[in-house]
Amino acid sequence: MGKSASAKKAEDQKKDAIDYAAVIQSATFKELLRRKKAFILPSSIFFFVFYFTLPILTSYFTVLNQPAIGAISWAWVFAFAQFVMTWGLCILYTKRAEQFDQLVEKIKREAGGRGQ
Protein backbone atom coordinates (compact mmCIF):
# COMPACT_ATOMS: atom_id res chain seq x y z
CA MET A 1 0.00 0.00 0.00
CA GLY A 2 1.20 3.53 -0.80
CA LYS A 3 1.71 6.35 1.58
CA SER A 4 -1.12 8.75 2.24
CA ALA A 5 -0.99 12.24 0.79
CA SER A 6 -0.42 13.81 4.21
CA ALA A 7 2.46 11.44 5.00
CA LYS A 8 4.08 12.22 1.64
CA LYS A 9 3.62 15.94 2.24
CA ALA A 10 5.23 15.61 5.69
CA GLU A 11 8.23 13.82 4.16
CA ASP A 12 8.63 16.53 1.51
CA GLN A 13 8.51 19.23 4.17
CA LYS A 14 11.11 17.40 6.21
CA LYS A 15 13.42 17.30 3.18
CA ASP A 16 12.93 21.04 2.59
CA ALA A 17 13.29 21.93 6.29
CA ILE A 18 16.09 24.25 7.27
CA ASP A 19 18.28 23.34 10.21
CA TYR A 20 17.90 26.58 12.16
CA ALA A 21 20.31 25.42 14.86
CA ALA A 22 23.02 25.18 12.20
CA VAL A 23 22.04 28.57 10.77
CA ILE A 24 22.45 30.30 14.16
CA GLN A 25 25.86 28.68 14.60
CA SER A 26 27.08 29.75 11.15
CA ALA A 27 29.79 32.39 10.85
CA THR A 28 27.68 34.44 8.44
CA PHE A 29 24.75 34.64 10.87
CA LYS A 30 27.08 35.64 13.70
CA GLU A 31 28.58 38.30 11.43
CA LEU A 32 25.09 39.63 10.66
CA LEU A 33 24.26 39.91 14.36
CA ARG A 34 27.62 41.54 15.11
CA ARG A 35 27.19 44.15 12.36
CA LYS A 36 23.60 44.93 13.33
CA LYS A 37 24.52 45.31 16.99
CA ALA A 38 27.53 47.48 16.08
CA PHE A 39 25.21 49.84 14.21
CA ILE A 40 21.98 49.76 16.19
CA LEU A 41 23.39 50.08 19.71
CA PRO A 42 25.49 53.24 19.18
CA SER A 43 22.86 54.90 16.99
CA SER A 44 20.13 54.17 19.56
CA ILE A 45 22.24 55.57 22.38
CA PHE A 46 23.00 58.66 20.30
CA PHE A 47 19.31 59.09 19.47
CA PHE A 48 18.14 58.88 23.09
CA VAL A 49 20.86 61.19 24.39
CA PHE A 50 20.16 63.75 21.66
CA TYR A 51 16.39 63.43 22.10
CA PHE A 52 16.34 63.81 25.89
CA THR A 53 18.92 66.62 25.94
CA LEU A 54 16.33 69.18 24.78
CA PRO A 55 13.76 68.67 27.56
CA ILE A 56 16.50 68.42 30.19
CA LEU A 57 18.25 71.60 29.03
CA THR A 58 15.02 73.57 28.71
CA SER A 59 13.74 72.39 32.11
CA TYR A 60 16.82 72.88 34.25
CA PHE A 61 19.10 75.34 32.42
CA THR A 62 18.76 78.61 30.52
CA VAL A 63 21.48 78.02 27.95
CA LEU A 64 18.99 77.41 25.11
CA ASN A 65 16.98 80.56 25.89
CA GLN A 66 19.54 82.81 24.20
CA PRO A 67 18.64 84.17 20.74
CA ALA A 68 20.29 82.30 17.87
CA ILE A 69 18.90 84.09 14.82
CA GLY A 70 16.80 87.15 15.52
CA ALA A 71 13.91 86.15 17.79
CA ILE A 72 14.56 82.42 17.30
CA SER A 73 16.15 80.89 20.38
CA TRP A 74 18.59 77.99 20.51
CA ALA A 75 15.78 75.81 21.85
CA TRP A 76 13.99 76.12 18.49
CA VAL A 77 17.21 75.41 16.60
CA PHE A 78 17.81 72.32 18.76
CA ALA A 79 14.20 71.16 18.26
CA PHE A 80 14.56 71.49 14.48
CA ALA A 81 17.88 69.64 14.65
CA GLN A 82 16.03 66.70 16.18
CA PHE A 83 13.97 66.35 13.00
CA VAL A 84 17.15 66.48 10.93
CA MET A 85 18.79 63.91 13.21
CA THR A 86 15.81 61.56 12.94
CA TRP A 87 15.72 61.74 9.15
CA GLY A 88 19.50 61.34 9.03
CA LEU A 89 19.41 58.20 11.16
CA CYS A 90 16.58 56.77 9.04
CA ILE A 91 18.54 57.38 5.83
CA LEU A 92 21.69 55.93 7.37
CA TYR A 93 19.85 52.82 8.56
CA THR A 94 18.23 52.33 5.16
CA LYS A 95 21.63 52.37 3.49
CA ARG A 96 23.09 50.03 6.12
CA ALA A 97 20.10 47.69 5.82
CA GLU A 98 21.14 46.96 2.22
CA GLN A 99 24.33 45.40 3.59
CA PHE A 100 22.31 43.46 6.17
CA ASP A 101 20.04 42.19 3.40
CA GLN A 102 23.04 40.94 1.42
CA LEU A 103 24.18 38.94 4.45
CA VAL A 104 20.67 37.55 4.91
CA GLU A 105 20.65 36.39 1.28
CA LYS A 106 24.03 34.73 1.82
CA ILE A 107 22.68 32.97 4.93
CA LYS A 108 19.65 31.76 2.95
CA ARG A 109 21.88 30.40 0.19
CA GLU A 110 24.11 28.62 2.71
CA ALA A 111 21.08 27.10 4.40
CA GLY A 112 19.60 25.97 1.10
CA GLY A 113 16.57 28.20 1.52
CA ARG A 114 14.47 29.80 -1.16
CA GLY A 115 14.27 33.44 -2.17
CA GLN A 116 17.70 33.89 -3.71
C-alpha atoms as a PDB file:
ATOM      1  CA  MET A   1       0.000   0.000   0.000  1.00  0.00           C
ATOM      2  CA  GLY A   2       1.196   3.530  -0.805  1.00  0.00           C
ATOM      3  CA  LYS A   3       1.713   6.349   1.576  1.00  0.00           C
ATOM      4  CA  SER A   4      -1.121   8.745   2.243  1.00  0.00           C
ATOM      5  CA  ALA A   5      -0.994  12.242   0.787  1.00  0.00           C
ATOM      6  CA  SER A   6      -0.419  13.805   4.211  1.00  0.00           C
ATOM      7  CA  ALA A   7       2.464  11.437   5.000  1.00  0.00           C
ATOM      8  CA  LYS A   8       4.082  12.218   1.645  1.00  0.00           C
ATOM      9  CA  LYS A   9       3.624  15.942   2.240  1.00  0.00           C
ATOM     10  CA  ALA A  10       5.233  15.614   5.689  1.00  0.00           C
ATOM     11  CA  GLU A  11       8.226  13.821   4.162  1.00  0.00           C
ATOM     12  CA  ASP A  12       8.626  16.534   1.514  1.00  0.00           C
ATOM     13  CA  GLN A  13       8.507  19.235   4.173  1.00  0.00           C
ATOM     14  CA  LYS A  14      11.109  17.398   6.210  1.00  0.00           C
ATOM     15  CA  LYS A  15      13.420  17.297   3.177  1.00  0.00           C
ATOM     16  CA  ASP A  16      12.931  21.043   2.593  1.00  0.00           C
ATOM     17  CA  ALA A  17      13.285  21.930   6.285  1.00  0.00           C
ATOM     18  CA  ILE A  18      16.093  24.249   7.275  1.00  0.00           C
ATOM     19  CA  ASP A  19      18.280  23.342  10.208  1.00  0.00           C
ATOM     20  CA  TYR A  20      17.900  26.577  12.163  1.00  0.00           C
ATOM     21  CA  ALA A  21      20.305  25.424  14.862  1.00  0.00           C
ATOM     22  CA  ALA A  22      23.022  25.180  12.200  1.00  0.00           C
ATOM     23  CA  VAL A  23      22.043  28.574  10.773  1.00  0.00           C
ATOM     24  CA  ILE A  24      22.454  30.299  14.157  1.00  0.00           C
ATOM     25  CA  GLN A  25      25.858  28.683  14.596  1.00  0.00           C
ATOM     26  CA  SER A  26      27.084  29.746  11.148  1.00  0.00           C
ATOM     27  CA  ALA A  27      29.787  32.392  10.846  1.00  0.00           C
ATOM     28  CA  THR A  28      27.684  34.441   8.439  1.00  0.00           C
ATOM     29  CA  PHE A  29      24.750  34.638  10.868  1.00  0.00           C
ATOM     30  CA  LYS A  30      27.083  35.644  13.699  1.00  0.00           C
ATOM     31  CA  GLU A  31      28.585  38.304  11.426  1.00  0.00           C
ATOM     32  CA  LEU A  32      25.090  39.631  10.660  1.00  0.00           C
ATOM     33  CA  LEU A  33      24.265  39.905  14.358  1.00  0.00           C
ATOM     34  CA  ARG A  34      27.618  41.535  15.106  1.00  0.00           C
ATOM     35  CA  ARG A  35      27.188  44.146  12.364  1.00  0.00           C
ATOM     36  CA  LYS A  36      23.598  44.930  13.327  1.00  0.00           C
ATOM     37  CA  LYS A  37      24.524  45.315  16.987  1.00  0.00           C
ATOM     38  CA  ALA A  38      27.532  47.480  16.081  1.00  0.00           C
ATOM     39  CA  PHE A  39      25.213  49.841  14.208  1.00  0.00           C
ATOM     40  CA  ILE A  40      21.977  49.763  16.193  1.00  0.00           C
ATOM     41  CA  LEU A  41      23.392  50.078  19.712  1.00  0.00           C
ATOM     42  CA  PRO A  42      25.495  53.245  19.180  1.00  0.00           C
ATOM     43  CA  SER A  43      22.862  54.900  16.991  1.00  0.00           C
ATOM     44  CA  SER A  44      20.131  54.169  19.555  1.00  0.00           C
ATOM     45  CA  ILE A  45      22.244  55.571  22.380  1.00  0.00           C
ATOM     46  CA  PHE A  46      22.998  58.664  20.301  1.00  0.00           C
ATOM     47  CA  PHE A  47      19.306  59.088  19.474  1.00  0.00           C
ATOM     48  CA  PHE A  48      18.138  58.879  23.090  1.00  0.00           C
ATOM     49  CA  VAL A  49      20.864  61.189  24.386  1.00  0.00           C
ATOM     50  CA  PHE A  50      20.159  63.748  21.656  1.00  0.00           C
ATOM     51  CA  TYR A  51      16.394  63.433  22.104  1.00  0.00           C
ATOM     52  CA  PHE A  52      16.343  63.812  25.894  1.00  0.00           C
ATOM     53  CA  THR A  53      18.918  66.615  25.943  1.00  0.00           C
ATOM     54  CA  LEU A  54      16.331  69.182  24.778  1.00  0.00           C
ATOM     55  CA  PRO A  55      13.765  68.671  27.557  1.00  0.00           C
ATOM     56  CA  ILE A  56      16.501  68.417  30.185  1.00  0.00           C
ATOM     57  CA  LEU A  57      18.250  71.600  29.029  1.00  0.00           C
ATOM     58  CA  THR A  58      15.016  73.568  28.713  1.00  0.00           C
ATOM     59  CA  SER A  59      13.738  72.386  32.105  1.00  0.00           C
ATOM     60  CA  TYR A  60      16.819  72.885  34.253  1.00  0.00           C
ATOM     61  CA  PHE A  61      19.103  75.337  32.416  1.00  0.00           C
ATOM     62  CA  THR A  62      18.757  78.613  30.525  1.00  0.00           C
ATOM     63  CA  VAL A  63      21.477  78.019  27.946  1.00  0.00           C
ATOM     64  CA  LEU A  64      18.985  77.413  25.112  1.00  0.00           C
ATOM     65  CA  ASN A  65      16.980  80.564  25.888  1.00  0.00           C
ATOM     66  CA  GLN A  66      19.540  82.811  24.201  1.00  0.00           C
ATOM     67  CA  PRO A  67      18.640  84.165  20.744  1.00  0.00           C
ATOM     68  CA  ALA A  68      20.292  82.295  17.872  1.00  0.00           C
ATOM     69  CA  ILE A  69      18.898  84.089  14.819  1.00  0.00           C
ATOM     70  CA  GLY A  70      16.797  87.146  15.520  1.00  0.00           C
ATOM     71  CA  ALA A  71      13.914  86.153  17.794  1.00  0.00           C
ATOM     72  CA  ILE A  72      14.561  82.415  17.302  1.00  0.00           C
ATOM     73  CA  SER A  73      16.152  80.886  20.384  1.00  0.00           C
ATOM     74  CA  TRP A  74      18.595  77.995  20.506  1.00  0.00           C
ATOM     75  CA  ALA A  75      15.776  75.811  21.845  1.00  0.00           C
ATOM     76  CA  TRP A  76      13.988  76.120  18.486  1.00  0.00           C
ATOM     77  CA  VAL A  77      17.211  75.407  16.601  1.00  0.00           C
ATOM     78  CA  PHE A  78      17.807  72.320  18.761  1.00  0.00           C
ATOM     79  CA  ALA A  79      14.197  71.159  18.260  1.00  0.00           C
ATOM     80  CA  PHE A  80      14.556  71.491  14.481  1.00  0.00           C
ATOM     81  CA  ALA A  81      17.881  69.638  14.649  1.00  0.00           C
ATOM     82  CA  GLN A  82      16.026  66.696  16.179  1.00  0.00           C
ATOM     83  CA  PHE A  83      13.971  66.354  13.003  1.00  0.00           C
ATOM     84  CA  VAL A  84      17.150  66.483  10.926  1.00  0.00           C
ATOM     85  CA  MET A  85      18.795  63.908  13.208  1.00  0.00           C
ATOM     86  CA  THR A  86      15.806  61.562  12.945  1.00  0.00           C
ATOM     87  CA  TRP A  87      15.724  61.740   9.151  1.00  0.00           C
ATOM     88  CA  GLY A  88      19.499  61.337   9.027  1.00  0.00           C
ATOM     89  CA  LEU A  89      19.412  58.196  11.163  1.00  0.00           C
ATOM     90  CA  CYS A  90      16.584  56.775   9.040  1.00  0.00           C
ATOM     91  CA  ILE A  91      18.535  57.376   5.830  1.00  0.00           C
ATOM     92  CA  LEU A  92      21.690  55.930   7.373  1.00  0.00           C
ATOM     93  CA  TYR A  93      19.847  52.822   8.563  1.00  0.00           C
ATOM     94  CA  THR A  94      18.228  52.326   5.163  1.00  0.00           C
ATOM     95  CA  LYS A  95      21.628  52.372   3.494  1.00  0.00           C
ATOM     96  CA  ARG A  96      23.094  50.033   6.117  1.00  0.00           C
ATOM     97  CA  ALA A  97      20.100  47.685   5.820  1.00  0.00           C
ATOM     98  CA  GLU A  98      21.136  46.961   2.223  1.00  0.00           C
ATOM     99  CA  GLN A  99      24.325  45.403   3.590  1.00  0.00           C
ATOM    100  CA  PHE A 100      22.315  43.462   6.166  1.00  0.00           C
ATOM    101  CA  ASP A 101      20.039  42.190   3.397  1.00  0.00           C
ATOM    102  CA  GLN A 102      23.036  40.936   1.423  1.00  0.00           C
ATOM    103  CA  LEU A 103      24.179  38.942   4.453  1.00  0.00           C
ATOM    104  CA  VAL A 104      20.674  37.547   4.907  1.00  0.00           C
ATOM    105  CA  GLU A 105      20.647  36.393   1.278  1.00  0.00           C
ATOM    106  CA  LYS A 106      24.030  34.730   1.819  1.00  0.00           C
ATOM    107  CA  ILE A 107      22.676  32.966   4.926  1.00  0.00           C
ATOM    108  CA  LYS A 108      19.652  31.764   2.954  1.00  0.00           C
ATOM    109  CA  ARG A 109      21.879  30.405   0.190  1.00  0.00           C
ATOM    110  CA  GLU A 110      24.110  28.621   2.711  1.00  0.00           C
ATOM    111  CA  ALA A 111      21.077  27.102   4.402  1.00  0.00           C
ATOM    112  CA  GLY A 112      19.599  25.974   1.098  1.00  0.00           C
ATOM    113  CA  GLY A 113      16.573  28.197   1.517  1.00  0.00           C
ATOM    114  CA  ARG A 114      14.471  29.798  -1.160  1.00  0.00           C
ATOM    115  CA  GLY A 115      14.273  33.439  -2.174  1.00  0.00           C
ATOM    116  CA  GLN A 116      17.700  33.892  -3.706  1.00  0.00           C
END
